[in-house]
Amino acid sequence: AQAATLRRARTETKARRLLPDSTGAY
């Protein structure tokens, strides 16, 4: 039961992945 809750937290989360700018910085 605890594992199912943790799995939902892992699979149902979206992330804002930063993209590098012209200088390569994030």
PDB file of all heavy atoms in Angstrom:
ATOM      1  N   ALA A   1       0.836  -1.203   0.000  1.00  0.00           N
ATOM      2  CA  ALA A   1       0.000   0.000   0.000  1.00  0.00           C
ATOM      3  C   ALA A   1       0.870   1.253   0.000  1.00  0.00           C
ATOM      4  O   ALA A   1       0.626   2.195  -0.757  1.00  0.00           O
ATOM      5  CB  ALA A   1      -0.922  -0.005   1.219  1.00  0.00           C
ATOM      6  N   GLN A   2       1.920   1.251   0.843  1.00  0.00           N
ATOM      7  CA  GLN A   2       2.823   2.401   0.875  1.00  0.00           C
ATOM      8  C   GLN A   2       3.569   2.522  -0.448  1.00  0.00           C
ATOM      9  O   GLN A   2       3.779   3.617  -0.964  1.00  0.00           O
ATOM     10  CB  GLN A   2       3.823   2.252   2.023  1.00  0.00           C
ATOM     11  CG  GLN A   2       4.730   3.457   2.184  1.00  0.00           C
ATOM     12  CD  GLN A   2       5.656   3.326   3.378  1.00  0.00           C
ATOM     13  OE1 GLN A   2       5.658   2.325   4.068  1.00  0.00           O
ATOM     14  NE2 GLN A   2       6.457   4.350   3.607  1.00  0.00           N
ATOM     15  N   ALA A   3       3.962   1.377  -1.025  1.00  0.00           N
ATOM     16  CA  ALA A   3       4.673   1.402  -2.300  1.00  0.00           C
ATOM     17  C   ALA A   3       3.799   1.977  -3.411  1.00  0.00           C
ATOM     18  O   ALA A   3       4.278   2.707  -4.276  1.00  0.00           O
ATOM     19  CB  ALA A   3       5.126  -0.009  -2.669  1.00  0.00           C
ATOM     20  N   ALA A   4       2.499   1.652  -3.386  1.00  0.00           N
ATOM     21  CA  ALA A   4       1.595   2.178  -4.412  1.00  0.00           C
ATOM     22  C   ALA A   4       1.502   3.697  -4.333  1.00  0.00           C
ATOM     23  O   ALA A   4       1.497   4.390  -5.358  1.00  0.00           O
ATOM     24  CB  ALA A   4       0.207   1.549  -4.246  1.00  0.00           C
ATOM     25  N   THR A   5       1.442   4.226  -3.107  1.00  0.00           N
ATOM     26  CA  THR A   5       1.400   5.680  -2.932  1.00  0.00           C
ATOM     27  C   THR A   5       2.674   6.322  -3.456  1.00  0.00           C
ATOM     28  O   THR A   5       2.637   7.349  -4.139  1.00  0.00           O
ATOM     29  CB  THR A   5       1.210   6.024  -1.446  1.00  0.00           C
ATOM     30  OG1 THR A   5       0.004   5.411  -0.985  1.00  0.00           O
ATOM     31  CG2 THR A   5       1.129   7.525  -1.240  1.00  0.00           C
ATOM     32  N   LEU A   6       3.805   5.720  -3.132  1.00  0.00           N
ATOM     33  CA  LEU A   6       5.089   6.261  -3.589  1.00  0.00           C
ATOM     34  C   LEU A   6       5.208   6.189  -5.103  1.00  0.00           C
ATOM     35  O   LEU A   6       5.741   7.098  -5.747  1.00  0.00           O
ATOM     36  CB  LEU A   6       6.238   5.487  -2.932  1.00  0.00           C
ATOM     37  CG  LEU A   6       6.349   5.612  -1.406  1.00  0.00           C
ATOM     38  CD1 LEU A   6       7.402   4.651  -0.879  1.00  0.00           C
ATOM     39  CD2 LEU A   6       6.679   7.040  -1.020  1.00  0.00           C
ATOM     40  N   ARG A   7       4.700   5.101  -5.683  1.00  0.00           N
ATOM     41  CA  ARG A   7       4.798   4.957  -7.143  1.00  0.00           C
ATOM     42  C   ARG A   7       3.971   6.025  -7.851  1.00  0.00           C
ATOM     43  O   ARG A   7       4.386   6.557  -8.878  1.00  0.00           O
ATOM     44  CB  ARG A   7       4.330   3.560  -7.544  1.00  0.00           C
ATOM     45  CG  ARG A   7       4.514   3.286  -9.039  1.00  0.00           C
ATOM     46  CD  ARG A   7       4.123   1.874  -9.409  1.00  0.00           C
ATOM     47  NE  ARG A   7       5.131   0.928  -8.960  1.00  0.00           N
ATOM     48  CZ  ARG A   7       4.979   0.090  -7.944  1.00  0.00           C
ATOM     49  NH1 ARG A   7       3.847   0.089  -7.250  1.00  0.00           N
ATOM     50  NH2 ARG A   7       5.927  -0.747  -7.607  1.00  0.00           N
ATOM     51  N   ARG A   8       2.810   6.343  -7.297  1.00  0.00           N
ATOM     52  CA  ARG A   8       2.002   7.400  -7.902  1.00  0.00           C
ATOM     53  C   ARG A   8       2.729   8.735  -7.842  1.00  0.00           C
ATOM     54  O   ARG A   8       2.697   9.521  -8.797  1.00  0.00           O
ATOM     55  CB  ARG A   8       0.648   7.503  -7.188  1.00  0.00           C
ATOM     56  CG  ARG A   8      -0.328   6.410  -7.567  1.00  0.00           C
ATOM     57  CD  ARG A   8      -1.737   6.778  -7.134  1.00  0.00           C
ATOM     58  NE  ARG A   8      -1.837   6.944  -5.690  1.00  0.00           N
ATOM     59  CZ  ARG A   8      -2.100   5.954  -4.846  1.00  0.00           C
ATOM     60  NH1 ARG A   8      -2.271   4.729  -5.307  1.00  0.00           N
ATOM     61  NH2 ARG A   8      -2.186   6.186  -3.545  1.00  0.00           N
ATOM     62  N   ALA A   9       3.405   8.992  -6.708  1.00  0.00           N
ATOM     63  CA  ALA A   9       4.149  10.250  -6.582  1.00  0.00           C
ATOM     64  C   ALA A   9       5.260  10.328  -7.623  1.00  0.00           C
ATOM     65  O   ALA A   9       5.604  11.401  -8.107  1.00  0.00           O
ATOM     66  CB  ALA A   9       4.739  10.357  -5.176  1.00  0.00           C
ATOM     67  N   ARG A  10       5.811   9.167  -8.007  1.00  0.00           N
ATOM     68  CA  ARG A  10       6.915   9.160  -8.963  1.00  0.00           C
ATOM     69  C   ARG A  10       6.427   9.291 -10.403  1.00  0.00           C
ATOM     70  O   ARG A  10       7.022  10.011 -11.202  1.00  0.00           O
ATOM     71  CB  ARG A  10       7.714   7.852  -8.805  1.00  0.00           C
ATOM     72  CG  ARG A  10       8.882   7.724  -9.765  1.00  0.00           C
ATOM     73  CD  ARG A  10       9.695   6.484  -9.440  1.00  0.00           C
ATOM     74  NE  ARG A  10       8.916   5.277  -9.564  1.00  0.00           N
ATOM     75  CZ  ARG A  10       8.747   4.599 -10.699  1.00  0.00           C
ATOM     76  NH1 ARG A  10       9.296   5.026 -11.813  1.00  0.00           N
ATOM     77  NH2 ARG A  10       8.026   3.500 -10.735  1.00  0.00           N
ATOM     78  N   THR A  11       5.329   8.599 -10.725  1.00  0.00           N
ATOM     79  CA  THR A  11       4.915   8.525 -12.125  1.00  0.00           C
ATOM     80  C   THR A  11       3.952   9.630 -12.547  1.00  0.00           C
ATOM     81  O   THR A  11       3.800   9.888 -13.738  1.00  0.00           O
ATOM     82  CB  THR A  11       4.257   7.159 -12.404  1.00  0.00           C
ATOM     83  OG1 THR A  11       3.138   6.990 -11.523  1.00  0.00           O
ATOM     84  CG2 THR A  11       5.246   6.032 -12.180  1.00  0.00           C
ATOM     85  N   GLU A  12       3.282  10.271 -11.587  1.00  0.00           N
ATOM     86  CA  GLU A  12       2.275  11.269 -11.942  1.00  0.00           C
ATOM     87  C   GLU A  12       2.779  12.700 -11.782  1.00  0.00           C
ATOM     88  O   GLU A  12       2.002  13.641 -11.749  1.00  0.00           O
ATOM     89  CB  GLU A  12       1.026  11.061 -11.083  1.00  0.00           C
ATOM     90  CG  GLU A  12       0.353   9.707 -11.319  1.00  0.00           C
ATOM     91  CD  GLU A  12      -0.854   9.488 -10.433  1.00  0.00           C
ATOM     92  OE1 GLU A  12      -1.215  10.432  -9.691  1.00  0.00           O
ATOM     93  OE2 GLU A  12      -1.433   8.395 -10.474  1.00  0.00           O
ATOM     94  N   THR A  13       4.093  12.868 -11.659  1.00  0.00           N
ATOM     95  CA  THR A  13       4.676  14.191 -11.471  1.00  0.00           C
ATOM     96  C   THR A  13       5.300  14.688 -12.770  1.00  0.00           C
ATOM     97  O   THR A  13       6.025  13.951 -13.435  1.00  0.00           O
ATOM     98  CB  THR A  13       5.758  14.151 -10.375  1.00  0.00           C
ATOM     99  OG1 THR A  13       5.172  13.673  -9.166  1.00  0.00           O
ATOM    100  CG2 THR A  13       6.357  15.526 -10.140  1.00  0.00           C
ATOM    101  N   LYS A  14       5.011  15.944 -13.110  1.00  0.00           N
ATOM    102  CA  LYS A  14       5.641  16.576 -14.264  1.00  0.00           C
ATOM    103  C   LYS A  14       6.767  17.488 -13.799  1.00  0.00           C
ATOM    104  O   LYS A  14       6.720  18.046 -12.706  1.00  0.00           O
ATOM    105  CB  LYS A  14       4.614  17.365 -15.076  1.00  0.00           C
ATOM    106  CG  LYS A  14       3.795  16.501 -16.013  1.00  0.00           C
ATOM    107  CD  LYS A  14       3.114  17.332 -17.083  1.00  0.00           C
ATOM    108  CE  LYS A  14       2.531  16.431 -18.164  1.00  0.00           C
ATOM    109  NZ  LYS A  14       1.919  17.216 -19.250  1.00  0.00           N
ATOM    110  N   ALA A  15       7.767  17.623 -14.631  1.00  0.00           N
ATOM    111  CA  ALA A  15       8.934  18.434 -14.275  1.00  0.00           C
ATOM    112  C   ALA A  15       9.164  19.504 -15.326  1.00  0.00           C
ATOM    113  O   ALA A  15       8.899  19.299 -16.513  1.00  0.00           O
ATOM    114  CB  ALA A  15      10.164  17.537 -14.160  1.00  0.00           C
ATOM    115  N   ARG A  16       9.667  20.656 -14.862  1.00  0.00           N
ATOM    116  CA  ARG A  16      10.075  21.718 -15.785  1.00  0.00           C
ATOM    117  C   ARG A  16      11.586  21.631 -15.964  1.00  0.00           C
ATOM    118  O   ARG A  16      12.352  22.137 -15.138  1.00  0.00           O
ATOM    119  CB  ARG A  16       9.661  23.083 -15.244  1.00  0.00           C
ATOM    120  CG  ARG A  16       8.186  23.378 -15.447  1.00  0.00           C
ATOM    121  CD  ARG A  16       7.845  24.792 -15.044  1.00  0.00           C
ATOM    122  NE  ARG A  16       7.801  24.928 -13.592  1.00  0.00           N
ATOM    123  CZ  ARG A  16       7.628  26.092 -12.980  1.00  0.00           C
ATOM    124  NH1 ARG A  16       7.529  27.207 -13.674  1.00  0.00           N
ATOM    125  NH2 ARG A  16       7.570  26.147 -11.673  1.00  0.00           N
ATOM    126  N   ARG A  17      11.998  20.945 -17.011  1.00  0.00           N
ATOM    127  CA  ARG A  17      13.427  20.784 -17.273  1.00  0.00           C
ATOM    128  C   ARG A  17      13.954  22.029 -17.969  1.00  0.00           C
ATOM    129  O   ARG A  17      13.457  22.430 -19.028  1.00  0.00           O
ATOM    130  CB  ARG A  17      13.684  19.547 -18.135  1.00  0.00           C
ATOM    131  CG  ARG A  17      15.158  19.314 -18.427  1.00  0.00           C
ATOM    132  CD  ARG A  17      15.421  17.932 -18.978  1.00  0.00           C
ATOM    133  NE  ARG A  17      14.750  17.705 -20.242  1.00  0.00           N
ATOM    134  CZ  ARG A  17      14.742  16.548 -20.900  1.00  0.00           C
ATOM    135  NH1 ARG A  17      15.354  15.507 -20.349  1.00  0.00           N
ATOM    136  NH2 ARG A  17      14.125  16.414 -22.046  1.00  0.00           N
ATOM    137  N   LEU A  18      14.965  22.660 -17.386  1.00  0.00           N
ATOM    138  CA  LEU A  18      15.525  23.887 -17.943  1.00  0.00           C
ATOM    139  C   LEU A  18      16.347  23.592 -19.186  1.00  0.00           C
ATOM    140  O   LEU A  18      17.054  22.577 -19.255  1.00  0.00           O
ATOM    141  CB  LEU A  18      16.398  24.585 -16.901  1.00  0.00           C
ATOM    142  CG  LEU A  18      15.675  25.055 -15.625  1.00  0.00           C
ATOM    143  CD1 LEU A  18      16.672  25.612 -14.622  1.00  0.00           C
ATOM    144  CD2 LEU A  18      14.615  26.095 -15.960  1.00  0.00           C
ATOM    145  N   LEU A  19      16.266  24.483 -20.147  1.00  0.00           N
ATOM    146  CA  LEU A  19      17.026  24.362 -21.386  1.00  0.00           C
ATOM    147  C   LEU A  19      18.175  25.364 -21.373  1.00  0.00           C
ATOM    148  O   LEU A  19      18.033  26.479 -20.873  1.00  0.00           O
ATOM    149  CB  LEU A  19      16.120  24.618 -22.592  1.00  0.00           C
ATOM    150  CG  LEU A  19      14.906  23.680 -22.721  1.00  0.00           C
ATOM    151  CD1 LEU A  19      14.034  24.124 -23.878  1.00  0.00           C
ATOM    152  CD2 LEU A  19      15.359  22.239 -22.913  1.00  0.00           C
ATOM    153  N   PRO A  20      19.340  24.984 -21.903  1.00  0.00           N
ATOM    154  CA  PRO A  20      20.487  25.900 -21.879  1.00  0.00           C
ATOM    155  C   PRO A  20      20.265  27.090 -22.813  1.00  0.00           C
ATOM    156  O   PRO A  20      19.643  26.963 -23.877  1.00  0.00           O
ATOM    157  CB  PRO A  20      21.645  25.018 -22.353  1.00  0.00           C
ATOM    158  CG  PRO A  20      20.994  23.934 -23.160  1.00  0.00           C
ATOM    159  CD  PRO A  20      19.660  23.697 -22.537  1.00  0.00           C
ATOM    160  N   ASP A  21      20.780  28.252 -22.373  1.00  0.00           N
ATOM    161  CA  ASP A  21      20.694  29.427 -23.241  1.00  0.00           C
ATOM    162  C   ASP A  21      21.901  29.462 -24.169  1.00  0.00           C
ATOM    163  O   ASP A  21      22.656  28.483 -24.271  1.00  0.00           O
ATOM    164  CB  ASP A  21      20.595  30.704 -22.401  1.00  0.00           C
ATOM    165  CG  ASP A  21      21.780  30.866 -21.447  1.00  0.00           C
ATOM    166  OD1 ASP A  21      22.830  30.244 -21.689  1.00  0.00           O
ATOM    167  OD2 ASP A  21      21.647  31.603 -20.447  1.00  0.00           O
ATOM    168  N   SER A  22      22.094  30.571 -24.847  1.00  0.00           N
ATOM    169  CA  SER A  22      23.170  30.674 -25.840  1.00  0.00           C
ATOM    170  C   SER A  22      24.553  30.515 -25.224  1.00  0.00           C
ATOM    171  O   SER A  22      25.511  30.127 -25.896  1.00  0.00           O
ATOM    172  CB  SER A  22      23.081  32.031 -26.559  1.00  0.00           C
ATOM    173  OG  SER A  22      23.151  33.093 -25.610  1.00  0.00           O
ATOM    174  N   THR A  23      24.674  30.807 -23.927  1.00  0.00           N
ATOM    175  CA  THR A  23      25.980  30.672 -23.255  1.00  0.00           C
ATOM    176  C   THR A  23      26.158  29.296 -22.616  1.00  0.00           C
ATOM    177  O   THR A  23      27.206  29.019 -22.026  1.00  0.00           O
ATOM    178  CB  THR A  23      26.116  31.746 -22.164  1.00  0.00           C
ATOM    179  OG1 THR A  23      25.133  31.513 -21.142  1.00  0.00           O
ATOM    180  CG2 THR A  23      25.929  33.140 -22.755  1.00  0.00           C
ATOM    181  N   GLY A  24      25.133  28.443 -22.701  1.00  0.00           N
ATOM    182  CA  GLY A  24      25.199  27.116 -22.090  1.00  0.00           C
ATOM    183  C   GLY A  24      24.745  27.085 -20.653  1.00  0.00           C
ATOM    184  O   GLY A  24      24.798  26.039 -20.008  1.00  0.00           O
ATOM    185  N   ALA A  25      24.288  28.238 -20.115  1.00  0.00           N
ATOM    186  CA  ALA A  25      23.816  28.295 -18.733  1.00  0.00           C
ATOM    187  C   ALA A  25      22.346  27.896 -18.661  1.00  0.00           C
ATOM    188  O   ALA A  25      21.602  28.018 -19.640  1.00  0.00           O
ATOM    189  CB  ALA A  25      24.015  29.697 -18.172  1.00  0.00           C
ATOM    190  N   TYR A  26      21.959  27.430 -17.479  1.00  0.00           N
ATOM    191  CA  TYR A  26      20.573  27.018 -17.251  1.00  0.00           C
ATOM    192  C   TYR A  26      19.918  28.053 -16.343  1.00  0.00           C
ATOM    193  O   TYR A  26      19.945  27.943 -15.114  1.00  0.00           O
ATOM    194  CB  TYR A  26      20.516  25.626 -16.619  1.00  0.00           C
ATOM    195  CG  TYR A  26      21.008  24.528 -17.533  1.00  0.00           C
ATOM    196  CD1 TYR A  26      22.366  24.216 -17.598  1.00  0.00           C
ATOM    197  CD2 TYR A  26      20.125  23.821 -18.337  1.00  0.00           C
ATOM    198  CE1 TYR A  26      22.832  23.214 -18.439  1.00  0.00           C
ATOM    199  CE2 TYR A  26      20.576  22.814 -19.187  1.00  0.00           C
ATOM    200  CZ  TYR A  26      21.931  22.523 -19.230  1.00  0.00           C
ATOM    201  OH  TYR A  26      22.381  21.541 -20.074  1.00  0.00           O
TER     202      TYR A  26
END
